[in-house]
Amino acid sequence: MSTLEPQLRSATPDDAVTIAALAVQVFLDTYATDGVRPDLAREAYAEYSTEAFAIRLQEPSRRFFLAEQGTGLIGVAEVQVSALSAPAGAVVGAELVRLYVQPRVQRLGVGKRLLQDAERATAVAALGSLWLTAWEGNHRARSFYAACGYQDIGATTFTFEGNS
């Protein structure tokens, strides 16, 4: 990684294509550990398409925070800034939908800075809590969130194409 300090900013609709590319990269790095299966590829291209992010970027209750190094996107946080009930536990607040950091810059503080932006957005919206879900097999993410003070309060199931 170069020594340039990452710059943080809010996303605009023009960022949909770079957010989509980063999201596919991180998604496959995280979940396709045994190779890219057709079901994972379809999920990646549906959920993380440029069009899907273009729609989400227009939603008034969503906030996207970006980390850039030079002219390249290296991280993104997506927050649903409305009072939502977490699928486990008795938590109501904003949802950290995703926090994706390019693998080459993980463990360098980018994720923590994006998480702090998400927490500030939650506080500004007076929602009190920020909650998230993380895949049980994503040990890097689970360790990161624990180190940031987040607690495991229960389990939920995410299902796509018959996979849970």
Foldseek 3Di string as FASTA:
>chain_A
DDPFFWDKDWDALVCLQQQLVQQLQQQCVQPVPVHDDPQSVVCSCPCRPSVNVSVVNPDPQKIKMFIAGPHHTFKIWIKRADFDADPFDGDTFIEGEDITGHVVCPPVCPSVVNVVVNVVSRVVSVRPDYYYDDDPSRVSVVVVVVVVPDDDGDDDDDDDPRRD
